[in-house]
PDB file of N, CA and C in Angstrom:
ATOM      1  N   UNK A   1      74.320  42.042 -28.838  1.00  0.00           N
ATOM      2  CA  UNK A   1      75.444  41.027 -29.066  1.00  0.00           C
ATOM      3  C   UNK A   1      75.621  40.178 -27.602  1.00  0.00           C
ATOM      4  N   UNK A   2      75.507  40.852 -26.519  1.00  0.00           N
ATOM      5  CA  UNK A   2      75.834  40.389 -25.281  1.00  0.00           C
ATOM      6  C   UNK A   2      74.397  39.501 -24.855  1.00  0.00           C
ATOM      7  N   UNK A   3      73.538  39.676 -25.565  1.00  0.00           N
ATOM      8  CA  UNK A   3      72.527  38.881 -24.997  1.00  0.00           C
ATOM      9  C   UNK A   3      72.398  37.932 -25.852  1.00  0.00           C
ATOM     10  N   UNK A   4      72.576  37.632 -27.301  1.00  0.00           N
ATOM     11  CA  UNK A   4      72.498  36.761 -27.989  1.00  0.00           C
ATOM     12  C   UNK A   4      73.907  35.549 -27.211  1.00  0.00           C
ATOM     13  N   UNK A   5      74.916  36.285 -26.909  1.00  0.00           N
ATOM     14  CA  UNK A   5      76.061  35.520 -26.316  1.00  0.00           C
ATOM     15  C   UNK A   5      75.705  35.063 -25.021  1.00  0.00           C
ATOM     16  N   UNK A   6      74.922  35.418 -24.185  1.00  0.00           N
ATOM     17  CA  UNK A   6      74.365  35.315 -23.024  1.00  0.00           C
ATOM     18  C   UNK A   6      73.169  33.761 -23.239  1.00  0.00           C
ATOM     19  N   UNK A   7      72.784  34.309 -24.238  1.00  0.00           N
ATOM     20  CA  UNK A   7      71.647  32.920 -24.378  1.00  0.00           C
ATOM     21  C   UNK A   7      72.251  31.477 -25.011  1.00  0.00           C
ATOM     22  N   UNK A   8      73.463  31.843 -25.433  1.00  0.00           N
ATOM     23  CA  UNK A   8      73.963  31.066 -26.049  1.00  0.00           C
ATOM     24  C   UNK A   8      74.944  30.348 -25.083  1.00  0.00           C
ATOM     25  N   UNK A   9      75.363  31.023 -24.136  1.00  0.00           N
ATOM     26  CA  UNK A   9      75.897  30.171 -22.968  1.00  0.00           C
ATOM     27  C   UNK A   9      74.816  29.467 -22.092  1.00  0.00           C
ATOM     28  N   UNK A  10      73.804  30.089 -21.833  1.00  0.00           N
ATOM     29  CA  UNK A  10      72.902  29.848 -21.225  1.00  0.00           C
ATOM     30  C   UNK A  10      72.452  27.947 -21.746  1.00  0.00           C
ATOM     31  N   UNK A  11      72.369  28.081 -22.935  1.00  0.00           N
ATOM     32  CA  UNK A  11      71.665  27.173 -24.019  1.00  0.00           C
ATOM     33  C   UNK A  11      72.939  26.003 -23.939  1.00  0.00           C
ATOM     34  N   UNK A  12      74.275  26.536 -23.842  1.00  0.00           N
ATOM     35  CA  UNK A  12      75.172  25.540 -23.408  1.00  0.00           C
ATOM     36  C   UNK A  12      75.282  24.923 -22.201  1.00  0.00           C
ATOM     37  N   UNK A  13      75.087  25.866 -21.583  1.00  0.00           N
ATOM     38  CA  UNK A  13      75.035  25.159 -20.029  1.00  0.00           C
ATOM     39  C   UNK A  13      73.535  24.597 -19.673  1.00  0.00           C
ATOM     40  N   UNK A  14      72.317  25.004 -20.228  1.00  0.00           N
ATOM     41  CA  UNK A  14      71.346  23.729 -20.181  1.00  0.00           C
ATOM     42  C   UNK A  14      71.666  22.580 -20.693  1.00  0.00           C
ATOM     43  N   UNK A  15      72.714  22.251 -21.756  1.00  0.00           N
ATOM     44  CA  UNK A  15      72.858  21.122 -22.658  1.00  0.00           C
ATOM     45  C   UNK A  15      73.867  20.511 -21.845  1.00  0.00           C
ATOM     46  N   UNK A  16      74.947  21.049 -21.126  1.00  0.00           N
ATOM     47  CA  UNK A  16      75.872  19.951 -20.159  1.00  0.00           C
ATOM     48  C   UNK A  16      74.947  20.055 -18.998  1.00  0.00           C
ATOM     49  N   UNK A  17      74.088  20.570 -18.426  1.00  0.00           N
ATOM     50  CA  UNK A  17      73.491  20.184 -17.168  1.00  0.00           C
ATOM     51  C   UNK A  17      72.371  18.991 -17.568  1.00  0.00           C
ATOM     52  N   UNK A  18      72.085  19.073 -18.672  1.00  0.00           N
ATOM     53  CA  UNK A  18      71.234  18.065 -19.482  1.00  0.00           C
ATOM     54  C   UNK A  18      71.600  16.680 -19.288  1.00  0.00           C
ATOM     55  N   UNK A  19      72.979  16.552 -19.793  1.00  0.00           N
ATOM     56  CA  UNK A  19      73.577  15.748 -19.947  1.00  0.00           C
ATOM     57  C   UNK A  19      74.192  15.316 -18.996  1.00  0.00           C
ATOM     58  N   UNK A  20      74.643  16.102 -17.558  1.00  0.00           N
ATOM     59  CA  UNK A  20      74.890  15.538 -16.854  1.00  0.00           C
ATOM     60  C   UNK A  20      73.945  14.907 -15.771  1.00  0.00           C
ATOM     61  N   UNK A  21      72.808  15.464 -15.907  1.00  0.00           N
ATOM     62  CA  UNK A  21      71.397  14.685 -15.137  1.00  0.00           C
ATOM     63  C   UNK A  21      71.506  13.393 -15.973  1.00  0.00           C
ATOM     64  N   UNK A  22      71.557  13.483 -16.824  1.00  0.00           N
ATOM     65  CA  UNK A  22      71.013  12.062 -17.571  1.00  0.00           C
ATOM     66  C   UNK A  22      72.098  11.271 -17.326  1.00  0.00           C
ATOM     67  N   UNK A  23      73.333  11.483 -17.181  1.00  0.00           N
ATOM     68  CA  UNK A  23      74.308  10.372 -16.839  1.00  0.00           C
ATOM     69  C   UNK A  23      74.336  10.263 -15.076  1.00  0.00           C
ATOM     70  N   UNK A  24      74.001  10.782 -14.365  1.00  0.00           N
ATOM     71  CA  UNK A  24      73.637  11.015 -12.776  1.00  0.00           C
ATOM     72  C   UNK A  24      72.203  10.029 -12.888  1.00  0.00           C
ATOM     73  N   UNK A  25      71.157  10.285 -13.545  1.00  0.00           N
ATOM     74  CA  UNK A  25      70.205   9.103 -13.609  1.00  0.00           C
ATOM     75  C   UNK A  25      70.488   7.690 -13.564  1.00  0.00           C
ATOM     76  N   UNK A  26      71.599   7.892 -15.260  1.00  0.00           N
ATOM     77  CA  UNK A  26      71.655   6.235 -15.491  1.00  0.00           C
ATOM     78  C   UNK A  26      72.834   5.411 -14.492  1.00  0.00           C
ATOM     79  N   UNK A  27      73.581   6.225 -13.342  1.00  0.00           N
ATOM     80  CA  UNK A  27      74.146   6.011 -12.518  1.00  0.00           C
ATOM     81  C   UNK A  27      73.181   5.526 -11.404  1.00  0.00           C
ATOM     82  N   UNK A  28      72.305   6.361 -11.007  1.00  0.00           N
ATOM     83  CA  UNK A  28      71.228   6.026 -10.100  1.00  0.00           C
ATOM     84  C   UNK A  28      70.641   4.969 -10.494  1.00  0.00           C
ATOM     85  N   UNK A  29      70.321   4.750 -11.453  1.00  0.00           N
ATOM     86  CA  UNK A  29      69.419   3.454 -12.094  1.00  0.00           C
ATOM     87  C   UNK A  29      70.711   2.110 -11.932  1.00  0.00           C
ATOM     88  N   UNK A  30      71.838   2.273 -12.231  1.00  0.00           N
ATOM     89  CA  UNK A  30      72.579   1.055 -12.337  1.00  0.00           C
ATOM     90  C   UNK A  30      72.628   0.664 -10.820  1.00  0.00           C
ATOM     91  N   UNK A  31      72.684   1.878  -9.563  1.00  0.00           N
ATOM     92  CA  UNK A  31      73.042   1.567  -8.552  1.00  0.00           C
ATOM     93  C   UNK A  31      71.570   0.731  -7.791  1.00  0.00           C
ATOM     94  N   UNK A  32      70.603   1.627  -8.224  1.00  0.00           N
ATOM     95  CA  UNK A  32      69.486   0.514  -7.888  1.00  0.00           C
ATOM     96  C   UNK A  32      69.345  -0.680  -8.271  1.00  0.00           C
ATOM     97  N   UNK A  33      69.621  -0.882  -9.409  1.00  0.00           N
ATOM     98  CA  UNK A  33      69.637  -2.609  -9.989  1.00  0.00           C
ATOM     99  C   UNK A  33      70.868  -3.258  -9.472  1.00  0.00           C
ATOM    100  N   UNK A  34      71.573  -2.699  -8.825  1.00  0.00           N
ATOM    101  CA  UNK A  34      72.909  -3.724  -8.255  1.00  0.00           C
ATOM    102  C   UNK A  34      72.434  -3.838  -7.008  1.00  0.00           C
ATOM    103  N   UNK A  35      71.638  -2.752  -6.375  1.00  0.00           N
ATOM    104  CA  UNK A  35      71.439  -2.819  -5.090  1.00  0.00           C
ATOM    105  C   UNK A  35      70.314  -4.257  -4.451  1.00  0.00           C
ATOM    106  N   UNK A  36      69.428  -3.851  -6.064  1.00  0.00           N
ATOM    107  CA  UNK A  36      68.455  -4.787  -6.283  1.00  0.00           C
ATOM    108  C   UNK A  36      68.832  -6.634  -6.197  1.00  0.00           C
ATOM    109  N   UNK A  37      69.983  -6.659  -6.939  1.00  0.00           N
ATOM    110  CA  UNK A  37      70.380  -7.870  -7.134  1.00  0.00           C
ATOM    111  C   UNK A  37      71.087  -8.311  -5.624  1.00  0.00           C
ATOM    112  N   UNK A  38      71.763  -7.156  -5.196  1.00  0.00           N
ATOM    113  CA  UNK A  38      72.082  -7.822  -3.864  1.00  0.00           C
ATOM    114  C   UNK A  38      71.214  -8.067  -2.924  1.00  0.00           C
ATOM    115  N   UNK A  39      70.095  -7.364  -2.930  1.00  0.00           N
ATOM    116  CA  UNK A  39      68.842  -7.643  -2.179  1.00  0.00           C
ATOM    117  C   UNK A  39      68.846  -9.877  -2.276  1.00  0.00           C
ATOM    118  N   UNK A  40      68.659  -9.894  -3.876  1.00  0.00           N
ATOM    119  CA  UNK A  40      68.726 -11.111  -4.082  1.00  0.00           C
ATOM    120  C   UNK A  40      69.116 -12.107  -3.981  1.00  0.00           C
ATOM    121  N   UNK A  41      70.825 -12.040  -3.706  1.00  0.00           N
ATOM    122  CA  UNK A  41      71.516 -12.358  -3.132  1.00  0.00           C
ATOM    123  C   UNK A  41      71.613 -12.642  -1.705  1.00  0.00           C
ATOM    124  N   UNK A  42      71.462 -11.706  -1.038  1.00  0.00           N
ATOM    125  CA  UNK A  42      71.116 -11.590   0.630  1.00  0.00           C
ATOM    126  C   UNK A  42      70.166 -12.630   0.908  1.00  0.00           C
ATOM    127  N   UNK A  43      69.193 -12.735   0.094  1.00  0.00           N
ATOM    128  CA  UNK A  43      67.680 -13.431   0.263  1.00  0.00           C
ATOM    129  C   UNK A  43      68.091 -14.877   0.416  1.00  0.00           C
ATOM    130  N   UNK A  44      69.100 -15.180  -0.817  1.00  0.00           N
ATOM    131  CA  UNK A  44      69.287 -16.478  -0.852  1.00  0.00           C
ATOM    132  C   UNK A  44      70.375 -17.167  -0.009  1.00  0.00           C
ATOM    133  N   UNK A  45      70.961 -15.833   0.584  1.00  0.00           N
ATOM    134  CA  UNK A  45      71.811 -16.626   1.849  1.00  0.00           C
ATOM    135  C   UNK A  45      71.220 -16.818   2.850  1.00  0.00           C
ATOM    136  N   UNK A  46      70.274 -16.154   2.991  1.00  0.00           N
ATOM    137  CA  UNK A  46      69.365 -16.236   4.249  1.00  0.00           C
ATOM    138  C   UNK A  46      68.709 -17.345   4.009  1.00  0.00           C
ATOM    139  N   UNK A  47      68.338 -18.001   3.152  1.00  0.00           N
ATOM    140  CA  UNK A  47      67.239 -19.131   2.856  1.00  0.00           C
ATOM    141  C   UNK A  47      68.478 -20.491   3.359  1.00  0.00           C
ATOM    142  N   UNK A  48      69.343 -20.283   2.715  1.00  0.00           N
ATOM    143  CA  UNK A  48      70.183 -21.252   2.806  1.00  0.00           C
ATOM    144  C   UNK A  48      70.845 -21.163   4.605  1.00  0.00           C
ATOM    145  N   UNK A  49      70.979 -20.069   5.038  1.00  0.00           N
ATOM    146  CA  UNK A  49      71.353 -20.039   6.535  1.00  0.00           C
ATOM    147  C   UNK A  49      70.032 -20.512   7.120  1.00  0.00           C
ATOM    148  N   UNK A  50      68.992 -20.556   6.713  1.00  0.00           N
ATOM    149  CA  UNK A  50      68.050 -21.190   7.531  1.00  0.00           C
ATOM    150  C   UNK A  50      67.873 -22.200   7.082  1.00  0.00           C
ATOM    151  N   UNK A  51      68.131 -22.882   6.276  1.00  0.00           N
ATOM    152  CA  UNK A  51      68.313 -24.393   5.594  1.00  0.00           C
ATOM    153  C   UNK A  51      69.626 -25.219   6.965  1.00  0.00           C
ATOM    154  N   UNK A  52      70.367 -24.750   6.703  1.00  0.00           N
ATOM    155  CA  UNK A  52      71.650 -24.952   7.452  1.00  0.00           C
ATOM    156  C   UNK A  52      71.116 -25.047   8.949  1.00  0.00           C
ATOM    157  N   UNK A  53      70.842 -23.749   9.473  1.00  0.00           N
ATOM    158  CA  UNK A  53      70.290 -23.922  10.764  1.00  0.00           C
ATOM    159  C   UNK A  53      69.431 -24.872  11.355  1.00  0.00           C
ATOM    160  N   UNK A  54      68.515 -25.497  10.251  1.00  0.00           N
ATOM    161  CA  UNK A  54      67.644 -26.707  10.579  1.00  0.00           C
ATOM    162  C   UNK A  54      67.973 -27.765  10.650  1.00  0.00           C
ATOM    163  N   UNK A  55      69.240 -27.893   9.336  1.00  0.00           N
ATOM    164  CA  UNK A  55      69.989 -29.016   9.350  1.00  0.00           C
ATOM    165  C   UNK A  55      70.783 -29.498  10.872  1.00  0.00           C
ATOM    166  N   UNK A  56      71.091 -28.424  11.339  1.00  0.00           N
ATOM    167  CA  UNK A  56      72.319 -28.161  12.220  1.00  0.00           C
ATOM    168  C   UNK A  56      71.382 -28.789  13.552  1.00  0.00           C
ATOM    169  N   UNK A  57      70.040 -28.210  13.748  1.00  0.00           N
ATOM    170  CA  UNK A  57      68.959 -28.469  14.892  1.00  0.00           C
ATOM    171  C   UNK A  57      68.822 -29.934  14.643  1.00  0.00           C
ATOM    172  N   UNK A  58      68.973 -30.987  13.718  1.00  0.00           N
ATOM    173  CA  UNK A  58      68.187 -31.863  13.636  1.00  0.00           C
ATOM    174  C   UNK A  58      69.774 -32.578  13.920  1.00  0.00           C
ATOM    175  N   UNK A  59      70.649 -32.377  13.449  1.00  0.00           N
ATOM    176  CA  UNK A  59      72.267 -32.932  13.717  1.00  0.00           C
ATOM    177  C   UNK A  59      72.200 -32.881  15.319  1.00  0.00           C
ATOM    178  N   UNK A  60      71.979 -31.718  15.765  1.00  0.00           N
ATOM    179  CA  UNK A  60      72.097 -31.747  17.080  1.00  0.00           C
ATOM    180  C   UNK A  60      71.000 -32.811  17.995  1.00  0.00           C
ATOM    181  N   UNK A  61      69.815 -32.627  17.707  1.00  0.00           N
ATOM    182  CA  UNK A  61      68.835 -33.651  18.220  1.00  0.00           C
ATOM    183  C   UNK A  61      68.974 -35.144  18.152  1.00  0.00           C
ATOM    184  N   UNK A  62      69.599 -35.203  17.001  1.00  0.00           N
ATOM    185  CA  UNK A  62      70.025 -36.933  16.887  1.00  0.00           C
ATOM    186  C   UNK A  62      71.258 -37.321  17.618  1.00  0.00           C
ATOM    187  N   UNK A  63      72.519 -36.222  17.714  1.00  0.00           N
ATOM    188  CA  UNK A  63      73.636 -36.601  18.589  1.00  0.00           C
ATOM    189  C   UNK A  63      72.634 -36.363  19.876  1.00  0.00           C
ATOM    190  N   UNK A  64      71.963 -35.793  20.639  1.00  0.00           N
ATOM    191  CA  UNK A  64      71.636 -35.526  22.016  1.00  0.00           C
ATOM    192  C   UNK A  64      71.030 -37.534  21.764  1.00  0.00           C
ATOM    193  N   UNK A  65      70.264 -37.826  21.000  1.00  0.00           N
ATOM    194  CA  UNK A  65      69.431 -38.763  21.250  1.00  0.00           C
ATOM    195  C   UNK A  65      70.714 -40.189  21.356  1.00  0.00           C
ATOM    196  N   UNK A  66      71.572 -39.830  20.793  1.00  0.00           N
ATOM    197  CA  UNK A  66      72.650 -41.079  20.343  1.00  0.00           C
ATOM    198  C   UNK A  66      73.685 -40.887  22.113  1.00  0.00           C
ATOM    199  N   UNK A  67      74.185 -39.711  22.269  1.00  0.00           N
ATOM    200  CA  UNK A  67      74.198 -39.751  23.699  1.00  0.00           C
ATOM    201  C   UNK A  67      73.470 -40.301  24.944  1.00  0.00           C
ATOM    202  N   UNK A  68      72.057 -40.161  24.644  1.00  0.00           N
ATOM    203  CA  UNK A  68      71.285 -40.673  26.150  1.00  0.00           C
ATOM    204  C   UNK A  68      71.296 -41.867  25.725  1.00  0.00           C
ATOM    205  N   UNK A  69      71.308 -42.514  24.504  1.00  0.00           N
ATOM    206  CA  UNK A  69      71.661 -44.062  24.413  1.00  0.00           C
ATOM    207  C   UNK A  69      72.776 -44.813  25.015  1.00  0.00           C
ATOM    208  N   UNK A  70      73.717 -43.801  24.487  1.00  0.00           N
ATOM    209  CA  UNK A  70      75.321 -44.652  24.690  1.00  0.00           C
ATOM    210  C   UNK A  70      75.350 -44.004  26.297  1.00  0.00           C
ATOM    211  N   UNK A  71      74.686 -43.155  26.841  1.00  0.00           N
ATOM    212  CA  UNK A  71      74.575 -43.274  28.537  1.00  0.00           C
ATOM    213  C   UNK A  71      73.849 -44.586  29.124  1.00  0.00           C
ATOM    214  N   UNK A  72      72.797 -44.617  28.525  1.00  0.00           N
ATOM    215  CA  UNK A  72      72.114 -45.735  28.859  1.00  0.00           C
ATOM    216  C   UNK A  72      72.813 -47.413  28.768  1.00  0.00           C
ATOM    217  N   UNK A  73      73.861 -47.352  27.778  1.00  0.00           N
ATOM    218  CA  UNK A  73      74.270 -48.649  27.187  1.00  0.00           C
ATOM    219  C   UNK A  73      75.401 -48.320  28.516  1.00  0.00           C
ATOM    220  N   UNK A  74      76.005 -47.338  28.561  1.00  0.00           N
ATOM    221  CA  UNK A  74      76.885 -47.223  29.740  1.00  0.00           C
ATOM    222  C   UNK A  74      76.798 -47.735  31.081  1.00  0.00           C
ATOM    223  N   UNK A  75      75.061 -47.308  31.309  1.00  0.00           N
ATOM    224  CA  UNK A  75      74.817 -47.708  32.654  1.00  0.00           C
ATOM    225  C   UNK A  75      74.448 -49.100  32.876  1.00  0.00           C
ATOM    226  N   UNK A  76      73.997 -49.674  31.623  1.00  0.00           N
ATOM    227  CA  UNK A  76      73.943 -51.293  31.589  1.00  0.00           C
ATOM    228  C   UNK A  76      75.251 -52.087  31.761  1.00  0.00           C
ATOM    229  N   UNK A  77      75.766 -51.469  30.822  1.00  0.00           N
ATOM    230  CA  UNK A  77      77.234 -52.260  31.696  1.00  0.00           C
ATOM    231  C   UNK A  77      77.766 -52.045  32.289  1.00  0.00           C
ATOM    232  N   UNK A  78      77.886 -51.105  33.246  1.00  0.00           N
ATOM    233  CA  UNK A  78      78.006 -51.318  34.569  1.00  0.00           C
ATOM    234  C   UNK A  78      77.579 -51.966  35.535  1.00  0.00           C
ATOM    235  N   UNK A  79      75.688 -51.510  35.415  1.00  0.00           N
ATOM    236  CA  UNK A  79      75.354 -52.351  36.263  1.00  0.00           C
ATOM    237  C   UNK A  79      75.793 -53.946  35.792  1.00  0.00           C
ATOM    238  N   UNK A  80      76.153 -54.642  34.834  1.00  0.00           N
ATOM    239  CA  UNK A  80      76.354 -56.064  34.645  1.00  0.00           C
ATOM    240  C   UNK A  80      77.402 -56.205  34.951  1.00  0.00           C
ATOM    241  N   UNK A  81      78.595 -55.207  34.639  1.00  0.00           N
ATOM    242  CA  UNK A  81      79.760 -55.105  35.571  1.00  0.00           C
ATOM    243  C   UNK A  81      79.728 -55.842  36.705  1.00  0.00           C
ATOM    244  N   UNK A  82      79.047 -54.834  37.543  1.00  0.00           N
ATOM    245  CA  UNK A  82      78.564 -54.852  39.028  1.00  0.00           C
ATOM    246  C   UNK A  82      78.241 -56.400  39.246  1.00  0.00           C
ATOM    247  N   UNK A  83      77.159 -56.840  38.571  1.00  0.00           N
ATOM    248  CA  UNK A  83      76.305 -58.108  38.508  1.00  0.00           C
ATOM    249  C   UNK A  83      77.395 -59.199  38.161  1.00  0.00           C
ATOM    250  N   UNK A  84      78.350 -59.077  37.294  1.00  0.00           N
ATOM    251  CA  UNK A  84      79.093 -60.227  37.161  1.00  0.00           C
ATOM    252  C   UNK A  84      80.006 -60.459  38.292  1.00  0.00           C
ATOM    253  N   UNK A  85      80.695 -59.368  38.900  1.00  0.00           N
ATOM    254  CA  UNK A  85      81.681 -59.378  40.119  1.00  0.00           C
ATOM    255  C   UNK A  85      80.926 -59.802  41.010  1.00  0.00           C
ATOM    256  N   UNK A  86      79.916 -59.388  41.487  1.00  0.00           N
ATOM    257  CA  UNK A  86      79.380 -60.198  42.611  1.00  0.00           C
ATOM    258  C   UNK A  86      78.767 -61.607  42.728  1.00  0.00           C
ATOM    259  N   UNK A  87      78.689 -61.883  41.249  1.00  0.00           N
ATOM    260  CA  UNK A  87      78.259 -63.396  41.216  1.00  0.00           C
ATOM    261  C   UNK A  87      79.494 -64.370  41.175  1.00  0.00           C
ATOM    262  N   UNK A  88      80.377 -63.439  40.735  1.00  0.00           N
ATOM    263  CA  UNK A  88      82.007 -64.321  40.537  1.00  0.00           C
ATOM    264  C   UNK A  88      82.431 -64.165  41.939  1.00  0.00           C
ATOM    265  N   UNK A  89      82.306 -63.343  42.923  1.00  0.00           N
ATOM    266  CA  UNK A  89      82.420 -63.408  44.333  1.00  0.00           C
ATOM    267  C   UNK A  89      81.750 -64.663  45.221  1.00  0.00           C
ATOM    268  N   UNK A  90      80.471 -64.262  44.641  1.00  0.00           N
ATOM    269  CA  UNK A  90      79.724 -65.655  45.470  1.00  0.00           C
ATOM    270  C   UNK A  90      79.730 -66.673  45.112  1.00  0.00           C
ATOM    271  N   UNK A  91      80.563 -66.821  43.745  1.00  0.00           N
ATOM    272  CA  UNK A  91      81.014 -68.056  43.408  1.00  0.00           C
ATOM    273  C   UNK A  91      82.540 -68.964  43.616  1.00  0.00           C
ATOM    274  N   UNK A  92      83.125 -67.647  44.628  1.00  0.00           N
ATOM    275  CA  UNK A  92      84.563 -67.801  44.966  1.00  0.00           C
ATOM    276  C   UNK A  92      85.378 -68.120  43.568  1.00  0.00           C
ATOM    277  N   UNK A  93      85.181 -67.246  42.585  1.00  0.00           N
ATOM    278  CA  UNK A  93      86.088 -67.158  41.569  1.00  0.00           C
ATOM    279  C   UNK A  93      86.941 -65.830  41.557  1.00  0.00           C
ATOM    280  N   UNK A  94      87.979 -65.760  41.332  1.00  0.00           N
ATOM    281  CA  UNK A  94      88.751 -64.441  41.601  1.00  0.00           C
ATOM    282  C   UNK A  94      88.830 -63.495  40.459  1.00  0.00           C
ATOM    283  N   UNK A  95      88.477 -62.526  40.678  1.00  0.00           N
ATOM    284  CA  UNK A  95      87.906 -61.085  39.757  1.00  0.00           C
ATOM    285  C   UNK A  95      88.814 -60.195  39.813  1.00  0.00           C
ATOM    286  N   UNK A  96      89.333 -59.909  38.764  1.00  0.00           N
ATOM    287  CA  UNK A  96      90.600 -58.749  38.427  1.00  0.00           C
ATOM    288  C   UNK A  96      89.785 -57.237  37.911  1.00  0.00           C
TER     289      UNK A  96
END
């Protein structure tokens, strides 16, 4: 009777372990799917970040070009102002 009881307990243990292993495998498969989805989302974020960085680089280049043009214009205005002042002095016109 003890053997039958031991076999029954072992069979019950096997059933319980198989159920737990099935649950664990299911959870691991769910975790793998979630990690895969997270990887896809991270790839999408990386693509957006690269696009943003490229757009920022373009903006920085345009800003640099605008600053260079502004600097040239300011130098031209300064030169014209100096020329105007000298011409007015030569003509005897008071300049403030």
